Amino acid sequence: MKLLEGIDAVVFDIDGTLLHAGDPSGVRGAHPIPGATDAVARARASGRRVLFFTNGTGKPPADYAADLRALGFELADEEFMNPAVVAARYLRRRHPDASVLVLGGPGVVAPLRDHGLRTIESTAPERADVVLVGWDDTLTYAALRAACESVWAGAPLYATSIAPVFSVAGGPAPGWSGAVAAGIRQTTGKRPVALGKPAPTALREMCRTLGAPPARTLVVGDDLGLEIAMARRVGARAALVLTGISTVGHVEREPLSRRPHAVLPDVSALQFE
């Protein structure tokens, strides 16, 4: 079976797949990986639907989309998605009337408010019905305490990402929301539910947006533990590029059921008919 046979939609990871950035909270100092903008253009020209997805939640989704356009990628705002968007849609379905304590900045809060959810921000923390951890490098002890007290009182604990690292220029950078969620778990014993990669919830939400089932969706990413694991869990096709976190050696140590369907030197190697 050819990699793109029967594929109607393509999900592109961003950091380490399409570009290398200076930090994991945005595209500061970013430059596209050679051939990446052309690869996305070829995917569109083939008639396939395209979605950009990153675990980063450091800024509102529309700002991320604008940054990508400034780097030469063609996309509409609605073709960008991150775990904050997934969280907004998921929480609206599961907890429509709940108050949500957000340990995250505007990039996490904005999508929740856009979906009509009642948010409590970390700058004025108090107990809430739900706790959501995202990117927030100004976290205070008061906010951490309010989160733990909410969880002790029965609030579910969600995290936009529990990934240990992000791919940035020069190597990996530590993940923020995963580290904070791990601290809350250490204190409360409550396991966080991830709403970003590699959670199946994230890819299912992407597929809803694309209007394509997982079996007809290709996920392209640089991390076996994130994009590739997510795709394999949900039954999507997966292509690993070697411009980020994972290497051929990592692939060879994985059981066959967890390996990508293709390993490519970079995203420009994708051949769209």
Protein backbone atom coordinates (compact mmCIF):
# COMPACT_ATOMS: atom_id res chain seq x y z
CA MET A 1 0.00 0.00 0.00
CA LYS A 2 1.31 3.44 -0.95
CA LEU A 3 1.55 5.96 1.89
CA LEU A 4 -0.98 8.36 0.37
CA GLU A 5 -3.33 5.82 -1.18
CA GLY A 6 -6.89 6.43 0.09
CA ILE A 7 -5.83 9.52 2.07
CA ASP A 8 -8.23 12.50 2.01
CA ALA A 9 -6.64 14.72 4.67
CA VAL A 10 -3.19 15.50 6.08
CA VAL A 11 -2.34 16.69 9.59
CA PHE A 12 1.03 18.43 9.79
CA ASP A 13 2.84 18.76 13.10
CA ILE A 14 4.66 22.10 13.24
CA ASP A 15 7.76 22.18 15.48
CA GLY A 16 10.40 19.82 14.15
CA THR A 17 8.28 18.92 11.12
CA LEU A 18 7.57 22.16 9.26
CA LEU A 19 9.88 24.55 11.09
CA HIS A 20 12.48 25.01 13.78
CA ALA A 21 11.72 27.74 16.32
CA GLY A 22 13.75 29.36 19.06
CA ASP A 23 11.34 28.42 21.85
CA PRO A 24 8.32 26.16 22.36
CA SER A 25 5.83 28.95 23.06
CA GLY A 26 5.67 30.35 19.55
CA VAL A 27 7.69 30.86 16.40
CA ARG A 28 10.30 33.30 17.72
CA GLY A 29 13.43 32.99 15.61
CA ALA A 30 11.68 30.38 13.47
CA HIS A 31 12.66 29.28 10.00
CA PRO A 32 10.84 26.76 7.81
CA ILE A 33 12.55 23.45 7.18
CA PRO A 34 13.71 23.45 3.54
CA GLY A 35 10.90 22.31 1.25
CA ALA A 36 8.22 22.48 3.95
CA THR A 37 6.13 25.28 2.44
CA ASP A 38 6.21 23.55 -0.94
CA ALA A 39 5.18 20.23 0.65
CA VAL A 40 2.09 21.84 2.18
CA ALA A 41 1.28 23.49 -1.15
CA ARG A 42 1.55 20.14 -2.93
CA ALA A 43 -0.80 18.56 -0.40
CA ARG A 44 -3.38 21.23 -1.19
CA ALA A 45 -2.84 20.94 -4.94
CA SER A 46 -3.57 17.21 -4.68
CA GLY A 47 -7.06 18.04 -3.41
CA ARG A 48 -6.45 16.84 0.12
CA ARG A 49 -7.61 18.82 3.14
CA VAL A 50 -4.85 20.16 5.39
CA LEU A 51 -4.62 20.91 9.11
CA PHE A 52 -1.71 22.29 11.14
CA PHE A 53 -1.48 21.07 14.75
CA THR A 54 0.94 21.89 17.55
CA ASN A 55 0.85 21.15 21.27
CA GLY A 56 1.91 24.73 21.96
CA THR A 57 -0.67 26.98 23.66
CA GLY A 58 1.44 30.05 24.34
CA LYS A 59 -0.71 32.39 22.25
CA PRO A 60 -4.23 32.47 20.74
CA PRO A 61 -4.70 30.16 17.74
CA ALA A 62 -5.26 33.03 15.29
CA ASP A 63 -1.87 34.46 16.26
CA TYR A 64 -0.16 31.14 15.54
CA ALA A 65 -1.85 30.99 12.14
CA ALA A 66 -0.70 34.53 11.35
CA ASP A 67 2.87 33.65 12.35
CA LEU A 68 2.83 30.64 10.02
CA ARG A 69 1.56 32.77 7.15
CA ALA A 70 4.40 35.23 7.81
CA LEU A 71 6.82 32.33 7.35
CA GLY A 72 5.33 31.48 3.96
CA PHE A 73 2.77 28.79 4.78
CA GLU A 74 -0.66 29.08 3.22
CA LEU A 75 -3.46 28.52 5.74
CA ALA A 76 -6.71 29.95 7.01
CA ASP A 77 -7.19 30.52 10.74
CA GLU A 78 -9.52 27.52 10.99
CA GLU A 79 -6.81 25.26 9.53
CA PHE A 80 -4.71 25.72 12.67
CA MET A 81 -5.53 23.73 15.79
CA ASN A 82 -3.88 23.13 19.15
CA PRO A 83 -4.89 21.51 22.46
CA ALA A 84 -6.57 24.71 23.66
CA VAL A 85 -9.05 24.38 20.78
CA VAL A 86 -9.50 20.68 21.53
CA ALA A 87 -10.04 21.50 25.21
CA ALA A 88 -12.63 24.16 24.43
CA ARG A 89 -14.68 21.80 22.28
CA TYR A 90 -14.25 18.84 24.64
CA LEU A 91 -15.13 20.78 27.81
CA ARG A 92 -18.13 22.39 26.12
CA ARG A 93 -19.50 18.89 25.45
CA ARG A 94 -18.51 17.30 28.77
CA HIS A 95 -18.76 20.20 31.25
CA PRO A 96 -20.90 22.90 29.57
CA ASP A 97 -21.96 24.65 32.79
CA ALA A 98 -18.76 24.21 34.78
CA SER A 99 -16.31 26.87 35.94
CA VAL A 100 -12.82 26.16 34.59
CA LEU A 101 -9.68 27.18 36.48
CA VAL A 102 -7.13 27.79 33.73
CA LEU A 103 -3.45 27.52 34.61
CA GLY A 104 -2.58 29.11 31.30
CA GLY A 105 -2.32 32.43 29.58
CA PRO A 106 -4.41 34.07 26.84
CA GLY A 107 -3.56 31.30 24.40
CA VAL A 108 -5.49 28.84 26.55
CA VAL A 109 -8.22 31.15 27.82
CA ALA A 110 -9.29 32.67 24.50
CA PRO A 111 -10.62 29.47 22.84
CA LEU A 112 -12.52 28.52 26.01
CA ARG A 113 -14.24 31.89 26.11
CA ASP A 114 -14.95 31.72 22.37
CA HIS A 115 -16.86 28.50 23.09
CA GLY A 116 -18.87 30.06 25.90
CA LEU A 117 -17.10 28.43 28.85
CA ARG A 118 -16.83 30.20 32.21
CA THR A 119 -13.14 30.64 33.00
CA ILE A 120 -11.22 31.51 36.13
CA GLU A 121 -7.77 32.79 35.25
CA SER A 122 -4.59 32.04 37.15
CA THR A 123 -4.09 35.76 37.83
CA ALA A 124 -7.11 35.68 40.19
CA PRO A 125 -7.34 32.00 41.13
CA GLU A 126 -10.12 30.35 43.08
CA ARG A 127 -11.63 26.89 43.36
CA ALA A 128 -13.42 25.68 40.26
CA ASP A 129 -15.39 22.72 38.90
CA VAL A 130 -12.66 21.81 36.37
CA VAL A 131 -8.89 22.43 36.24
CA LEU A 132 -7.12 22.87 32.90
CA VAL A 133 -3.33 23.21 32.74
CA GLY A 134 -1.74 24.87 29.71
CA TRP A 135 1.23 27.06 28.86
CA ASP A 136 1.68 29.68 31.62
CA ASP A 137 5.21 30.60 32.58
CA THR A 138 3.97 33.08 35.21
CA LEU A 139 2.35 30.43 37.41
CA THR A 140 2.06 31.43 41.09
CA TYR A 141 1.74 29.40 44.25
CA ALA A 142 -1.77 30.80 44.76
CA ALA A 143 -2.86 29.40 41.40
CA LEU A 144 -1.23 26.05 42.10
CA ARG A 145 -2.95 25.88 45.49
CA ALA A 146 -6.35 26.73 43.99
CA ALA A 147 -5.85 23.97 41.42
CA CYS A 148 -4.96 21.39 44.07
CA GLU A 149 -7.87 22.44 46.30
CA SER A 150 -10.22 22.14 43.33
CA VAL A 151 -8.95 18.64 42.57
CA TRP A 152 -9.21 17.62 46.21
CA ALA A 153 -12.84 18.80 46.07
CA GLY A 154 -13.52 16.55 43.08
CA ALA A 155 -12.62 18.62 39.99
CA PRO A 156 -11.27 16.66 37.02
CA LEU A 157 -7.72 17.57 35.98
CA TYR A 158 -6.98 18.19 32.29
CA ALA A 159 -3.75 19.21 30.59
CA THR A 160 -3.24 20.61 27.11
CA SER A 161 -0.09 18.51 26.89
CA ILE A 162 1.85 16.10 29.05
CA ALA A 163 4.71 15.85 26.58
CA PRO A 164 8.07 15.97 28.40
CA VAL A 165 9.81 17.99 25.65
CA PHE A 166 9.22 20.16 22.58
CA SER A 167 11.40 20.20 19.48
CA VAL A 168 13.13 23.57 19.08
CA ALA A 169 16.19 24.82 17.25
CA GLY A 170 19.21 23.33 18.95
CA GLY A 171 17.40 20.35 20.50
CA PRO A 172 14.61 19.58 22.97
CA ALA A 173 13.09 22.09 25.39
CA PRO A 174 11.16 21.04 28.50
CA GLY A 175 7.39 20.94 28.28
CA TRP A 176 5.55 23.26 30.66
CA SER A 177 1.99 22.00 31.10
CA GLY A 178 3.14 18.40 31.53
CA ALA A 179 5.54 19.40 34.29
CA VAL A 180 2.88 21.46 36.10
CA ALA A 181 0.26 18.72 35.74
CA ALA A 182 2.78 16.21 37.10
CA GLY A 183 3.28 18.44 40.13
CA ILE A 184 -0.45 18.60 40.78
CA ARG A 185 -0.63 14.83 40.46
CA GLN A 186 2.26 14.47 42.90
CA THR A 187 0.32 16.58 45.41
CA THR A 188 -3.21 15.28 44.86
CA GLY A 189 -2.78 11.81 43.41
CA LYS A 190 -5.03 12.79 40.48
CA ARG A 191 -3.84 11.64 37.07
CA PRO A 192 -4.21 14.38 34.43
CA VAL A 193 -6.20 13.70 31.27
CA ALA A 194 -4.28 14.95 28.23
CA LEU A 195 -6.20 16.74 25.49
CA GLY A 196 -3.25 17.29 23.16
CA LYS A 197 -0.95 14.88 21.38
CA PRO A 198 -0.71 11.90 21.81
CA ALA A 199 -4.24 11.64 23.21
CA PRO A 200 -6.74 9.99 20.83
CA THR A 201 -9.17 12.78 21.77
CA ALA A 202 -6.93 15.26 19.94
CA LEU A 203 -6.84 13.36 16.65
CA ARG A 204 -10.54 12.60 16.74
CA GLU A 205 -11.20 16.34 17.08
CA MET A 206 -8.86 17.03 14.18
CA CYS A 207 -10.71 14.51 12.05
CA ARG A 208 -14.04 16.16 12.91
CA THR A 209 -12.60 19.44 11.67
CA LEU A 210 -11.23 17.86 8.51
CA GLY A 211 -14.39 15.89 7.77
CA ALA A 212 -12.30 12.76 7.25
CA PRO A 213 -12.20 9.52 9.28
CA PRO A 214 -8.88 8.55 10.87
CA ALA A 215 -8.38 5.72 8.38
CA ARG A 216 -8.30 8.28 5.56
CA THR A 217 -6.06 10.75 7.41
CA LEU A 218 -2.26 10.96 7.30
CA VAL A 219 -0.42 12.38 10.33
CA VAL A 220 3.06 13.76 9.66
CA GLY A 221 5.31 14.41 12.65
CA ASP A 222 8.79 14.16 14.14
CA ASP A 223 8.04 12.44 17.46
CA LEU A 224 7.28 8.74 17.85
CA GLY A 225 5.79 9.35 21.28
CA LEU A 226 3.44 12.11 20.12
CA GLU A 227 2.24 12.26 16.50
CA ILE A 228 3.07 8.69 15.56
CA ALA A 229 1.68 7.16 18.76
CA MET A 230 -1.50 9.21 18.40
CA ALA A 231 -2.03 8.17 14.79
CA ARG A 232 -1.45 4.48 15.48
CA ARG A 233 -3.81 4.49 18.48
CA VAL A 234 -6.69 5.90 16.43
CA GLY A 235 -6.08 4.01 13.20
CA ALA A 236 -4.67 6.84 11.09
CA ARG A 237 -1.69 6.55 8.80
CA ALA A 238 1.60 7.94 10.13
CA ALA A 239 4.76 9.33 8.56
CA LEU A 240 7.81 10.17 10.69
CA VAL A 241 10.23 12.87 9.54
CA LEU A 242 13.79 12.89 10.84
CA THR A 243 14.11 16.63 11.38
CA GLY A 244 13.05 16.73 15.04
CA ILE A 245 12.96 14.49 18.10
CA SER A 246 12.99 10.87 16.90
CA THR A 247 15.62 8.96 14.96
CA VAL A 248 15.80 5.77 12.89
CA GLY A 249 17.30 4.08 15.95
CA HIS A 250 14.21 4.97 17.98
CA VAL A 251 12.00 3.46 15.28
CA GLU A 252 13.96 0.22 15.21
CA ARG A 253 13.43 -0.24 18.95
CA GLU A 254 9.64 0.05 18.60
CA PRO A 255 7.37 -2.99 18.05
CA LEU A 256 5.89 -3.13 14.56
CA SER A 257 2.46 -2.06 15.81
CA ARG A 258 3.92 1.26 17.01
CA ARG A 259 6.11 2.09 14.05
CA PRO A 260 5.20 4.71 11.46
CA HIS A 261 4.02 3.61 8.06
CA ALA A 262 6.89 5.58 6.54
CA VAL A 263 10.13 7.19 7.69
CA LEU A 264 11.19 10.24 5.66
CA PRO A 265 14.32 12.40 5.83
CA ASP A 266 12.10 15.49 5.89
CA VAL A 267 8.62 16.65 4.93
CA SER A 268 9.70 17.55 1.39
CA ALA A 269 9.99 13.82 0.67
CA LEU A 270 6.19 13.44 0.72
CA GLN A 271 5.12 12.69 -2.84
CA PHE A 272 1.56 13.91 -3.41
CA GLU A 273 -0.03 12.61 -6.60
